[in-house]
Amino acid sequence: MFILISERMQKQIDFIVAIDQLKEITRQNIVIGSKRNENDAEHSWHLAVMAMLLSEYAAEKDLDVLRVIKMVLIHDLVEIDAGDTYCYDEKGYEDKDEREQKAADRLFNFLPADQAKEMMELWREFEEMKTPEAKFAASLDRFQPLLLNFNTGGFTWKRPEATSEKVFKRNDVAKENAPEIYAYAKAIIEDSIKRGILKE
């Protein structure tokens, strides 16, 4: 079946079809209660729900929650081309920015120019972590894998690169931007060390 649509709508549909590949990008964590790896689409959805529910714990009381939700929904789209880089993989981080920028240039430019610009700006804002919304989104992006690890016996923490010091450092962004979430994260990390599922 062929339906005549505007060039603008065709570009939007092309983008929607292209980003379906996010469901194929597996992450390091496994799904709670399962042995299968979480994919990027599931991770992004989880963060969007967390943003809705936990925004009251943001340090910034005038937080633009919709902007946070948009950021977390699109922040990993670049991994369709760039792949998922394990957060403690120092070698993988050497060219991560370059790989992801190239992916952003390709993917977001499926869209009409105004929407491509908005997507690129949201993605850059998330990456730069300068606005209250980006800092809160980043806090959630680090807290979610912490919850998965805690509830899967430290699945990815069993890799040699993961240590409590690195996990604490990764979650530092929440200290000032979501202090109650940080307090919860800190308690999880300390309990995980005691339980032997996270190395000191």
Foldseek 3Di string as FASTA:
>chain_A
DDDDDDPQVVLVVVLVVLLVLQQVFFDQFCDQPDDDTHTLQNLLVVLLVCLVVVVCLFLDNPDPSVLLNLLSNQQCSLCSFLGDDPPLPPVSVPCSVVSSVVSLVVNLVSHDPVSSVVSVVSNVCLVVVPDLSSLVSQLSSLLVVLVRCLSPLNRVLVDPSFALVVSLVSNVSCVNTRVVSNVVSVVSSVVSVVVVSHHD
